[in-house]
N, C-alpha and C. Protein backbone atom coordinates (compact mmCIF):
# COMPACT_ATOMS: atom_id res chain seq x y z
N UNK A 1 -233.49 80.28 14.45
CA UNK A 1 -233.98 81.60 14.29
C UNK A 1 -234.14 82.60 15.42
N UNK A 2 -233.56 83.70 15.85
CA UNK A 2 -233.46 84.74 17.27
C UNK A 2 -235.04 85.05 17.39
N UNK A 3 -235.45 85.56 18.23
CA UNK A 3 -236.87 86.08 18.55
C UNK A 3 -237.01 87.50 17.89
N UNK A 4 -236.06 88.16 17.55
CA UNK A 4 -235.85 89.32 17.23
C UNK A 4 -235.67 89.78 15.58
N UNK A 5 -235.30 88.82 15.20
CA UNK A 5 -235.30 88.44 13.52
C UNK A 5 -236.88 87.85 13.46
N UNK A 6 -237.32 86.97 14.40
CA UNK A 6 -238.95 86.70 14.26
C UNK A 6 -239.86 87.72 14.02
N UNK A 7 -239.36 88.68 14.83
CA UNK A 7 -240.46 89.87 14.98
C UNK A 7 -240.13 90.71 14.13
N UNK A 8 -238.69 90.69 13.38
CA UNK A 8 -238.92 91.51 12.36
C UNK A 8 -239.48 90.93 10.98
N UNK A 9 -239.28 89.54 10.94
CA UNK A 9 -239.87 88.54 9.73
C UNK A 9 -241.54 88.87 9.71
N UNK A 10 -242.00 89.09 11.10
CA UNK A 10 -243.51 88.59 10.86
C UNK A 10 -244.00 90.30 10.77
N UNK A 11 -243.33 91.54 11.31
CA UNK A 11 -243.66 92.89 11.09
C UNK A 11 -243.75 93.29 9.97
N UNK A 12 -242.74 92.35 9.09
CA UNK A 12 -243.01 92.65 7.58
C UNK A 12 -244.07 92.16 7.05
N UNK A 13 -244.31 90.84 7.58
CA UNK A 13 -245.49 90.00 7.09
C UNK A 13 -246.67 90.99 7.29
N UNK A 14 -246.54 92.05 7.77
CA UNK A 14 -247.51 92.57 7.89
C UNK A 14 -248.02 94.00 7.68
N UNK A 15 -246.38 93.85 6.95
CA UNK A 15 -246.62 94.39 5.92
C UNK A 15 -247.22 94.19 4.72
N UNK A 16 -247.10 92.38 4.93
CA UNK A 16 -247.69 91.44 3.35
C UNK A 16 -248.83 92.25 3.75
N UNK A 17 -249.31 91.98 4.16
CA UNK A 17 -250.15 91.81 4.63
C UNK A 17 -250.71 93.65 4.27
N UNK A 18 -249.88 94.47 4.29
CA UNK A 18 -249.69 95.62 4.10
C UNK A 18 -249.56 96.76 5.40
N UNK A 19 -249.44 97.95 4.93
CA UNK A 19 -249.87 98.97 6.32
C UNK A 19 -250.70 99.93 6.22
N UNK A 20 -250.99 100.48 6.50
CA UNK A 20 -252.44 101.29 6.71
C UNK A 20 -252.82 101.69 5.13
N UNK A 21 -251.34 102.29 4.63
CA UNK A 21 -251.70 102.82 3.06
C UNK A 21 -251.90 101.80 2.55
N UNK A 22 -251.86 99.90 2.68
CA UNK A 22 -252.45 99.11 1.33
C UNK A 22 -253.99 98.95 1.80
N UNK A 23 -254.39 98.68 0.74
CA UNK A 23 -256.09 98.55 0.72
C UNK A 23 -256.04 97.24 0.66
N UNK A 24 -257.40 96.71 0.88
CA UNK A 24 -258.09 95.28 0.75
C UNK A 24 -259.29 95.29 -0.17
N UNK A 25 -259.05 94.64 -0.67
CA UNK A 25 -260.29 94.19 -1.92
C UNK A 25 -261.43 94.13 -1.34
N UNK A 26 -262.44 94.51 -1.78
CA UNK A 26 -263.81 94.66 -1.26
C UNK A 26 -264.89 92.83 -1.69
N UNK A 27 -264.15 92.14 -2.58
CA UNK A 27 -264.51 90.89 -3.06
C UNK A 27 -263.86 89.61 -1.84
N UNK A 28 -262.87 89.94 -1.21
CA UNK A 28 -262.32 89.14 -0.04
C UNK A 28 -261.72 87.91 -0.91
N UNK A 29 -261.32 88.10 -1.93
CA UNK A 29 -260.59 87.10 -2.57
C UNK A 29 -261.23 85.78 -3.11
N UNK A 30 -262.74 86.22 -3.38
CA UNK A 30 -263.71 85.30 -3.37
C UNK A 30 -262.82 83.57 -4.20
N UNK A 31 -263.33 82.55 -3.59
CA UNK A 31 -262.60 81.46 -4.36
C UNK A 31 -262.88 80.89 -5.53
N UNK A 32 -262.58 80.02 -6.11
CA UNK A 32 -263.57 79.90 -7.32
C UNK A 32 -264.62 78.65 -7.03
N UNK A 33 -265.59 78.58 -8.13
CA UNK A 33 -266.48 77.83 -7.92
C UNK A 33 -266.24 76.44 -7.66
N UNK A 34 -265.05 76.05 -8.16
CA UNK A 34 -264.42 74.48 -8.59
C UNK A 34 -264.41 74.51 -7.10
N UNK A 35 -263.76 74.99 -6.28
CA UNK A 35 -263.27 74.55 -4.71
C UNK A 35 -263.16 75.32 -4.07
N UNK A 36 -263.47 75.51 -2.71
CA UNK A 36 -262.56 76.38 -1.64
C UNK A 36 -262.14 76.17 -1.03
N UNK A 37 -261.41 76.61 -0.18
CA UNK A 37 -260.74 76.81 0.89
C UNK A 37 -259.04 76.42 0.50
N UNK A 38 -258.18 75.85 1.73
CA UNK A 38 -257.06 75.96 1.64
C UNK A 38 -256.41 74.87 0.36
N UNK A 39 -257.16 73.69 0.23
CA UNK A 39 -256.92 72.65 -0.55
C UNK A 39 -257.19 73.58 -2.41
N UNK A 40 -258.03 74.10 -2.31
CA UNK A 40 -258.21 74.62 -3.67
C UNK A 40 -256.82 75.77 -4.02
N UNK A 41 -256.10 76.43 -3.07
CA UNK A 41 -255.34 77.43 -3.16
C UNK A 41 -254.37 77.15 -4.51
N UNK A 42 -253.86 78.72 -5.41
CA UNK A 42 -253.18 78.45 -6.18
C UNK A 42 -251.93 79.24 -5.96
N UNK A 43 -251.03 79.22 -6.43
CA UNK A 43 -250.05 80.22 -6.51
C UNK A 43 -250.60 81.49 -7.77
N UNK A 44 -251.46 81.18 -8.98
CA UNK A 44 -251.52 82.47 -9.57
C UNK A 44 -252.81 83.04 -8.71
N UNK A 45 -253.74 82.23 -8.06
CA UNK A 45 -254.76 83.37 -7.01
C UNK A 45 -254.21 84.16 -6.28
N UNK A 46 -252.62 83.79 -5.69
CA UNK A 46 -251.88 83.98 -4.59
C UNK A 46 -251.45 85.32 -5.42
N UNK A 47 -251.22 85.30 -6.52
CA UNK A 47 -249.74 86.49 -6.98
C UNK A 47 -251.21 87.56 -7.42
N UNK A 48 -252.40 87.03 -7.53
CA UNK A 48 -253.33 88.20 -7.95
C UNK A 48 -253.89 88.47 -6.49
N UNK A 49 -253.80 88.13 -5.54
CA UNK A 49 -254.40 88.45 -4.28
C UNK A 49 -253.30 89.57 -3.95
N UNK A 50 -252.25 88.99 -4.21
CA UNK A 50 -250.84 89.85 -3.90
C UNK A 50 -251.19 91.96 -4.57
N UNK A 51 -251.43 91.39 -5.76
CA UNK A 51 -251.92 92.78 -6.54
C UNK A 51 -253.33 93.30 -6.21
N UNK A 52 -254.14 92.67 -5.46
CA UNK A 52 -255.24 93.83 -4.92
C UNK A 52 -254.88 93.77 -4.02
N UNK A 53 -254.37 93.21 -3.21
CA UNK A 53 -253.93 93.74 -1.92
C UNK A 53 -252.70 94.88 -1.52
N UNK A 54 -252.64 94.91 -3.01
CA UNK A 54 -251.07 96.30 -3.10
C UNK A 54 -250.02 95.72 -2.10
N UNK A 55 -249.84 94.47 -1.99
CA UNK A 55 -248.43 94.32 -1.05
C UNK A 55 -247.00 94.72 -1.80
N UNK A 56 -246.72 95.01 -2.94
CA UNK A 56 -245.41 95.51 -3.47
C UNK A 56 -245.25 96.42 -3.28
N UNK A 57 -246.39 97.43 -3.03
CA UNK A 57 -246.43 98.65 -2.87
C UNK A 57 -245.38 98.63 -1.39
N UNK A 58 -245.19 97.84 -0.66
CA UNK A 58 -244.24 97.70 0.46
C UNK A 58 -243.43 96.85 0.63
N UNK A 59 -243.53 95.62 0.13
CA UNK A 59 -242.26 94.94 -0.12
C UNK A 59 -241.63 94.86 -1.46
N UNK A 60 -242.04 95.45 -2.44
CA UNK A 60 -241.45 95.33 -3.57
C UNK A 60 -241.53 94.56 -4.35
N UNK A 61 -241.68 94.64 -5.71
CA UNK A 61 -242.02 93.54 -6.87
C UNK A 61 -241.46 92.26 -6.50
N UNK A 62 -240.21 92.56 -5.91
CA UNK A 62 -239.70 90.96 -5.78
C UNK A 62 -240.54 90.75 -4.46
N UNK A 63 -241.01 90.74 -3.52
CA UNK A 63 -241.16 90.76 -2.33
C UNK A 63 -240.43 90.65 -1.46
N UNK A 64 -238.70 91.00 -1.45
CA UNK A 64 -238.05 90.81 -0.45
C UNK A 64 -237.65 91.97 0.70
N UNK A 65 -238.57 92.98 0.62
CA UNK A 65 -238.80 94.05 1.45
C UNK A 65 -238.35 95.16 1.23
N UNK A 66 -237.86 96.27 1.91
CA UNK A 66 -237.30 97.11 1.94
C UNK A 66 -236.57 97.89 2.96
N UNK A 67 -235.07 98.07 2.55
CA UNK A 67 -233.96 98.35 3.39
C UNK A 67 -234.28 99.86 4.08
N UNK A 68 -234.79 100.84 3.35
CA UNK A 68 -235.33 101.94 4.01
C UNK A 68 -236.82 101.98 4.24
N UNK A 69 -237.09 103.06 5.69
CA UNK A 69 -238.15 102.84 6.38
C UNK A 69 -239.20 103.53 5.35
N UNK A 70 -240.51 102.96 5.48
CA UNK A 70 -241.64 103.59 4.78
C UNK A 70 -241.62 105.09 5.40
N UNK A 71 -242.06 105.89 4.07
CA UNK A 71 -242.23 107.24 4.51
C UNK A 71 -243.02 107.13 5.11
N UNK A 72 -243.87 108.77 5.21
CA UNK A 72 -245.04 109.47 5.64
C UNK A 72 -245.68 108.45 7.06
N UNK A 73 -244.82 108.37 7.83
CA UNK A 73 -245.34 107.70 9.22
C UNK A 73 -245.75 108.90 9.82
N UNK A 74 -247.37 108.60 10.71
CA UNK A 74 -247.58 109.76 10.94
C UNK A 74 -247.12 110.38 12.40
N UNK A 75 -245.95 109.53 13.27
CA UNK A 75 -245.80 109.19 14.35
C UNK A 75 -244.35 108.87 13.99
N UNK A 76 -243.44 110.25 14.39
CA UNK A 76 -241.72 110.17 13.80
C UNK A 76 -241.13 108.82 14.59
N UNK A 77 -241.45 108.39 15.66
CA UNK A 77 -240.90 107.74 16.13
C UNK A 77 -240.85 105.91 15.38
N UNK A 78 -242.17 106.25 14.41
CA UNK A 78 -242.28 105.06 14.10
C UNK A 78 -241.43 104.54 12.70
N UNK A 79 -240.40 103.63 12.54
CA UNK A 79 -239.85 103.33 11.70
C UNK A 79 -240.23 101.56 10.87
N UNK A 80 -240.97 102.01 9.47
CA UNK A 80 -241.57 100.68 9.43
C UNK A 80 -240.62 100.03 8.00
N UNK A 81 -240.17 99.07 8.38
CA UNK A 81 -239.59 98.36 7.12
C UNK A 81 -239.95 96.67 6.86
N UNK A 82 -240.93 96.88 5.61
CA UNK A 82 -241.53 95.78 5.37
C UNK A 82 -240.39 94.86 5.19
N UNK A 83 -240.82 93.66 5.62
CA UNK A 83 -239.65 92.26 5.69
C UNK A 83 -239.91 92.02 4.35
N UNK A 84 -238.81 91.02 4.06
CA UNK A 84 -238.30 89.92 3.17
C UNK A 84 -239.45 88.57 3.40
N UNK A 85 -240.39 88.91 2.17
CA UNK A 85 -241.44 87.76 1.91
C UNK A 85 -241.37 86.45 1.13
N UNK A 86 -239.60 86.53 0.79
CA UNK A 86 -239.33 85.29 -0.14
C UNK A 86 -239.08 84.28 0.94
N UNK A 87 -238.45 83.31 0.28
CA UNK A 87 -238.34 81.86 1.14
C UNK A 87 -237.07 81.95 1.52
N UNK A 88 -236.37 83.00 1.48
CA UNK A 88 -234.80 82.73 2.02
C UNK A 88 -234.55 82.03 3.44
N UNK A 89 -233.78 81.47 3.82
CA UNK A 89 -233.69 80.61 4.97
C UNK A 89 -233.03 81.57 6.32
N UNK A 90 -232.02 82.44 5.74
CA UNK A 90 -231.57 82.94 6.52
C UNK A 90 -231.91 84.74 6.50
N UNK A 91 -232.83 85.30 5.51
CA UNK A 91 -233.31 86.80 5.98
C UNK A 91 -234.93 86.94 5.13
N UNK A 92 -235.22 85.59 5.03
CA UNK A 92 -236.51 85.96 4.57
C UNK A 92 -237.67 84.82 5.72
N UNK A 93 -238.56 84.43 4.99
CA UNK A 93 -239.85 83.59 5.32
C UNK A 93 -239.05 82.40 6.17
N UNK A 94 -238.38 81.65 5.34
CA UNK A 94 -237.39 80.33 5.61
C UNK A 94 -238.15 79.14 4.61
N UNK A 95 -237.84 77.87 5.12
CA UNK A 95 -238.43 77.20 4.41
C UNK A 95 -238.92 76.02 5.38
N UNK A 96 -240.06 75.42 5.54
CA UNK A 96 -240.87 74.72 6.39
C UNK A 96 -240.55 73.16 6.15
N UNK A 97 -240.18 73.18 5.16
CA UNK A 97 -239.58 71.38 5.06
C UNK A 97 -238.11 71.46 5.18
N UNK A 98 -237.16 72.69 5.79
CA UNK A 98 -235.74 72.14 5.89
C UNK A 98 -236.04 71.42 7.25
N UNK A 99 -235.03 70.56 7.34
CA UNK A 99 -234.43 69.62 8.39
C UNK A 99 -234.01 70.31 9.26
N UNK A 100 -233.25 70.72 9.35
CA UNK A 100 -232.78 72.59 10.35
C UNK A 100 -233.75 73.26 10.76
N UNK A 101 -234.22 72.89 12.09
CA UNK A 101 -235.11 74.14 12.70
C UNK A 101 -234.55 75.12 12.69
N UNK A 102 -233.60 75.69 13.08
CA UNK A 102 -233.26 77.16 12.61
C UNK A 102 -233.71 77.51 11.05
N UNK A 103 -233.57 76.90 10.24
CA UNK A 103 -233.94 77.39 8.79
C UNK A 103 -235.50 77.32 8.41
N UNK A 104 -236.44 76.80 9.32
CA UNK A 104 -237.71 76.39 8.72
C UNK A 104 -238.59 77.72 9.05
N UNK A 105 -238.21 78.99 9.67
CA UNK A 105 -239.17 79.67 9.71
C UNK A 105 -240.61 79.74 10.13
N UNK A 106 -241.66 80.44 9.06
CA UNK A 106 -242.68 80.09 9.41
C UNK A 106 -243.58 78.77 8.65
N UNK A 107 -243.99 78.21 9.36
CA UNK A 107 -244.87 77.46 8.75
C UNK A 107 -245.87 77.96 7.90
N UNK A 108 -246.49 76.92 7.28
CA UNK A 108 -248.08 77.65 6.22
C UNK A 108 -248.97 78.40 7.31
N UNK A 109 -249.26 77.62 8.19
CA UNK A 109 -250.08 78.32 9.20
C UNK A 109 -250.09 79.53 10.19
N UNK A 110 -248.92 79.43 10.18
CA UNK A 110 -248.40 80.61 10.96
C UNK A 110 -248.29 81.81 10.36
N UNK A 111 -247.74 81.64 8.74
CA UNK A 111 -247.69 82.62 7.58
C UNK A 111 -249.19 83.23 8.13
N UNK A 112 -250.02 82.29 7.42
CA UNK A 112 -251.46 82.24 7.38
C UNK A 112 -252.12 83.64 8.85
N UNK A 113 -251.90 82.95 9.64
CA UNK A 113 -251.83 83.50 11.25
C UNK A 113 -251.50 85.08 11.22
N UNK A 114 -250.27 85.32 10.79
CA UNK A 114 -249.25 86.65 10.70
C UNK A 114 -250.63 87.70 9.57
N UNK A 115 -250.73 87.00 8.83
CA UNK A 115 -251.44 87.90 7.94
C UNK A 115 -252.86 88.44 8.41
N UNK A 116 -253.34 87.09 8.89
CA UNK A 116 -254.93 87.42 9.53
C UNK A 116 -254.86 88.24 10.53
N UNK A 117 -254.31 87.69 11.59
CA UNK A 117 -254.29 87.83 13.05
C UNK A 117 -253.20 89.28 13.48
N UNK A 118 -251.80 89.38 12.61
CA UNK A 118 -251.00 89.97 13.11
C UNK A 118 -250.27 89.84 14.39
N UNK A 119 -249.43 88.43 14.21
CA UNK A 119 -249.08 88.07 15.29
C UNK A 119 -247.58 87.14 14.49
N UNK A 120 -246.52 87.18 15.04
CA UNK A 120 -245.30 86.29 14.43
C UNK A 120 -245.50 84.86 14.96
N UNK A 121 -244.45 84.30 14.72
CA UNK A 121 -244.08 83.08 14.95
C UNK A 121 -243.37 82.58 16.17
N UNK A 122 -243.56 83.61 17.08
CA UNK A 122 -243.13 83.83 18.60
C UNK A 122 -244.01 83.81 19.21
N UNK A 123 -245.31 84.41 18.83
CA UNK A 123 -246.56 84.71 19.34
C UNK A 123 -246.52 86.26 19.51
N UNK A 124 -245.47 87.25 18.94
CA UNK A 124 -245.31 88.42 19.29
C UNK A 124 -246.37 89.01 18.34
N UNK A 125 -246.79 90.43 18.73
CA UNK A 125 -247.72 90.89 17.73
C UNK A 125 -247.21 92.04 17.14
N UNK A 126 -247.56 92.18 15.92
CA UNK A 126 -246.68 93.03 14.69
C UNK A 126 -246.90 94.57 14.87
N UNK A 127 -246.04 95.47 14.26
CA UNK A 127 -246.37 96.63 14.42
C UNK A 127 -248.14 96.94 14.24
N UNK A 128 -249.14 97.81 15.08
CA UNK A 128 -250.06 97.92 14.57
C UNK A 128 -250.22 98.90 13.51
N UNK A 129 -249.27 99.51 12.55
CA UNK A 129 -249.39 99.77 11.01
C UNK A 129 -249.79 98.85 10.44
N UNK A 130 -248.95 97.59 10.69
CA UNK A 130 -249.40 96.95 9.28
C UNK A 130 -250.86 96.25 9.51
N UNK A 131 -251.13 96.43 8.39
CA UNK A 131 -252.68 95.89 7.90
C UNK A 131 -253.13 94.50 8.25
N UNK A 132 -253.95 93.89 9.09
CA UNK A 132 -254.08 92.85 9.11
C UNK A 132 -255.20 92.27 8.61
N UNK A 133 -255.38 91.07 7.90
CA UNK A 133 -256.93 90.95 7.05
C UNK A 133 -257.63 89.46 8.18
N UNK A 134 -258.06 89.65 8.81
CA UNK A 134 -259.09 88.96 9.49
C UNK A 134 -260.08 88.26 8.88
N UNK A 135 -260.53 89.32 7.65
CA UNK A 135 -261.49 88.34 7.16
C UNK A 135 -261.08 87.66 5.64
N UNK A 136 -259.78 87.44 5.48
CA UNK A 136 -259.54 86.54 4.67
C UNK A 136 -259.96 85.36 4.27
N UNK A 137 -260.40 85.03 3.16
CA UNK A 137 -260.61 83.88 3.23
C UNK A 137 -259.69 82.53 3.41
N UNK A 138 -259.89 81.60 3.36
CA UNK A 138 -258.57 80.08 3.64
C UNK A 138 -258.42 80.26 2.44
N UNK A 139 -258.87 80.20 1.47
CA UNK A 139 -258.52 79.98 -0.15
C UNK A 139 -257.64 81.37 -0.58
N UNK A 140 -258.06 82.47 -0.23
CA UNK A 140 -257.05 83.63 -0.52
C UNK A 140 -255.67 83.51 0.38
N UNK A 141 -256.35 83.32 1.59
CA UNK A 141 -254.78 83.43 2.72
C UNK A 141 -253.54 82.36 2.36
N UNK A 142 -254.28 81.22 1.86
CA UNK A 142 -253.06 80.25 1.50
C UNK A 142 -252.75 79.84 0.01
N UNK A 143 -253.49 80.93 -0.63
CA UNK A 143 -253.17 80.78 -1.88
C UNK A 143 -251.59 82.32 -1.91
N UNK A 144 -251.87 83.00 -1.22
CA UNK A 144 -251.17 83.72 -0.85
C UNK A 144 -249.28 82.97 -0.51
N UNK A 145 -249.85 82.02 0.55
CA UNK A 145 -248.94 81.83 1.46
C UNK A 145 -248.37 80.65 0.29
N UNK A 146 -248.84 80.25 -0.79
CA UNK A 146 -248.55 79.15 -1.82
C UNK A 146 -247.57 80.37 -2.90
N UNK A 147 -248.01 81.40 -3.26
CA UNK A 147 -247.26 82.45 -4.02
C UNK A 147 -246.01 82.85 -3.40
N UNK A 148 -246.01 83.48 -1.96
CA UNK A 148 -244.82 83.28 -1.27
C UNK A 148 -243.74 82.21 -1.58
N UNK A 149 -244.20 81.08 -1.00
CA UNK A 149 -243.82 80.20 -1.03
C UNK A 149 -242.54 79.97 -2.70
N UNK A 150 -243.40 80.40 -3.89
CA UNK A 150 -242.75 80.25 -5.26
C UNK A 150 -241.93 80.69 -5.79
N UNK A 151 -241.68 82.03 -4.87
CA UNK A 151 -240.75 82.96 -5.00
C UNK A 151 -239.13 82.65 -5.03
N UNK A 152 -238.39 83.08 -5.83
CA UNK A 152 -236.96 82.44 -5.63
C UNK A 152 -236.43 83.44 -4.22
N UNK A 153 -235.87 83.34 -3.55
CA UNK A 153 -235.12 83.32 -2.27
C UNK A 153 -234.53 84.70 -2.68
N UNK A 154 -234.65 85.31 -1.76
CA UNK A 154 -233.64 87.06 -2.06
C UNK A 154 -232.95 87.43 -0.45
N UNK A 155 -231.27 87.01 -0.71
CA UNK A 155 -231.10 87.03 0.77
C UNK A 155 -230.74 88.49 0.99
N UNK A 156 -231.60 88.98 1.40
CA UNK A 156 -231.49 90.81 2.06
C UNK A 156 -232.11 90.92 3.72
N UNK A 157 -231.25 91.45 4.14
CA UNK A 157 -231.15 91.77 5.74
C UNK A 157 -232.25 92.83 5.57
N UNK A 158 -233.30 92.77 6.19
CA UNK A 158 -234.20 94.16 6.38
C UNK A 158 -233.79 94.47 8.14
N UNK A 159 -233.60 95.81 8.35
CA UNK A 159 -233.78 96.03 9.58
C UNK A 159 -235.30 95.91 10.38
N UNK A 160 -235.39 95.43 11.69
CA UNK A 160 -236.13 95.71 12.11
C UNK A 160 -237.25 96.46 12.60
N UNK A 161 -238.65 96.76 12.29
CA UNK A 161 -239.41 97.96 12.24
C UNK A 161 -239.59 98.34 14.36
N UNK A 162 -239.79 99.58 14.09
CA UNK A 162 -239.61 100.21 15.25
C UNK A 162 -241.11 100.94 15.34
N UNK A 163 -241.90 100.49 16.12
CA UNK A 163 -243.23 100.97 16.64
C UNK A 163 -243.58 100.68 18.21
N UNK A 164 -243.10 102.06 18.86
CA UNK A 164 -243.21 101.91 20.15
C UNK A 164 -244.53 102.16 20.82
N UNK A 165 -244.97 101.55 21.81
CA UNK A 165 -244.14 100.82 22.89
C UNK A 165 -243.65 99.27 22.13
N UNK A 166 -244.19 98.68 21.40
CA UNK A 166 -244.31 97.19 21.09
C UNK A 166 -242.67 96.83 20.85
N UNK A 167 -242.39 97.77 19.88
CA UNK A 167 -240.60 97.43 19.18
C UNK A 167 -240.01 98.93 19.46
N UNK A 168 -239.10 98.82 19.97
CA UNK A 168 -238.12 99.90 20.13
C UNK A 168 -237.05 100.36 19.74
N UNK A 169 -237.17 101.38 19.73
CA UNK A 169 -235.38 101.97 18.50
C UNK A 169 -233.75 100.92 19.40
N UNK A 170 -234.17 100.82 20.96
CA UNK A 170 -232.92 100.58 21.27
C UNK A 170 -233.22 98.80 21.06
N UNK A 171 -234.10 98.09 20.77
CA UNK A 171 -234.68 96.79 20.66
C UNK A 171 -234.00 96.56 19.37
N UNK A 172 -234.03 97.32 18.31
CA UNK A 172 -233.77 97.54 16.59
C UNK A 172 -232.29 97.48 16.78
N UNK A 173 -231.42 98.64 17.12
CA UNK A 173 -230.20 98.52 17.59
C UNK A 173 -229.46 97.54 17.97
N UNK A 174 -230.11 96.71 18.78
CA UNK A 174 -229.60 95.19 19.95
C UNK A 174 -229.85 93.85 18.79
N UNK A 175 -230.38 93.82 18.14
CA UNK A 175 -231.31 92.82 17.24
C UNK A 175 -229.76 92.53 16.07
N UNK A 176 -229.55 90.60 15.88
CA UNK A 176 -228.27 90.70 15.15
C UNK A 176 -228.40 91.10 13.76
């Protein structure tokens, strides 16, 4: 996976994590009383958390991203393309269990870090317009990860977001 695609995927991941138009839940995605943390995470709670965080608003109902930039950006130089968050190995998050390193993409921990801290799997910063959820519990973030991993792969290439000075239009046009 090229670093440009990785940046794009993560930039989108945070738009998974929502752009500033997306909202956060006030309850922080509380874990069930029968268990907490990563081990208790479920696909059902991930679907619920994605809905509460309004991720489909930007990434679409199938979470395959947006082929057109999000409208209403205050800076005309910014073009936000929410990435494909399905497990597609060519255009999405990849499959961390794939024996081919080029098809692995994000590990669960790297995806959780992107959601919480805004860094991609190459340690590059996501566009600042993408909301990050530092207060998200392990239960909620790993439930979202499980949910995203459960989706059917969608092969949909998304342009790289542009958010100067971090990511420029020239870099977007040079990306494969």
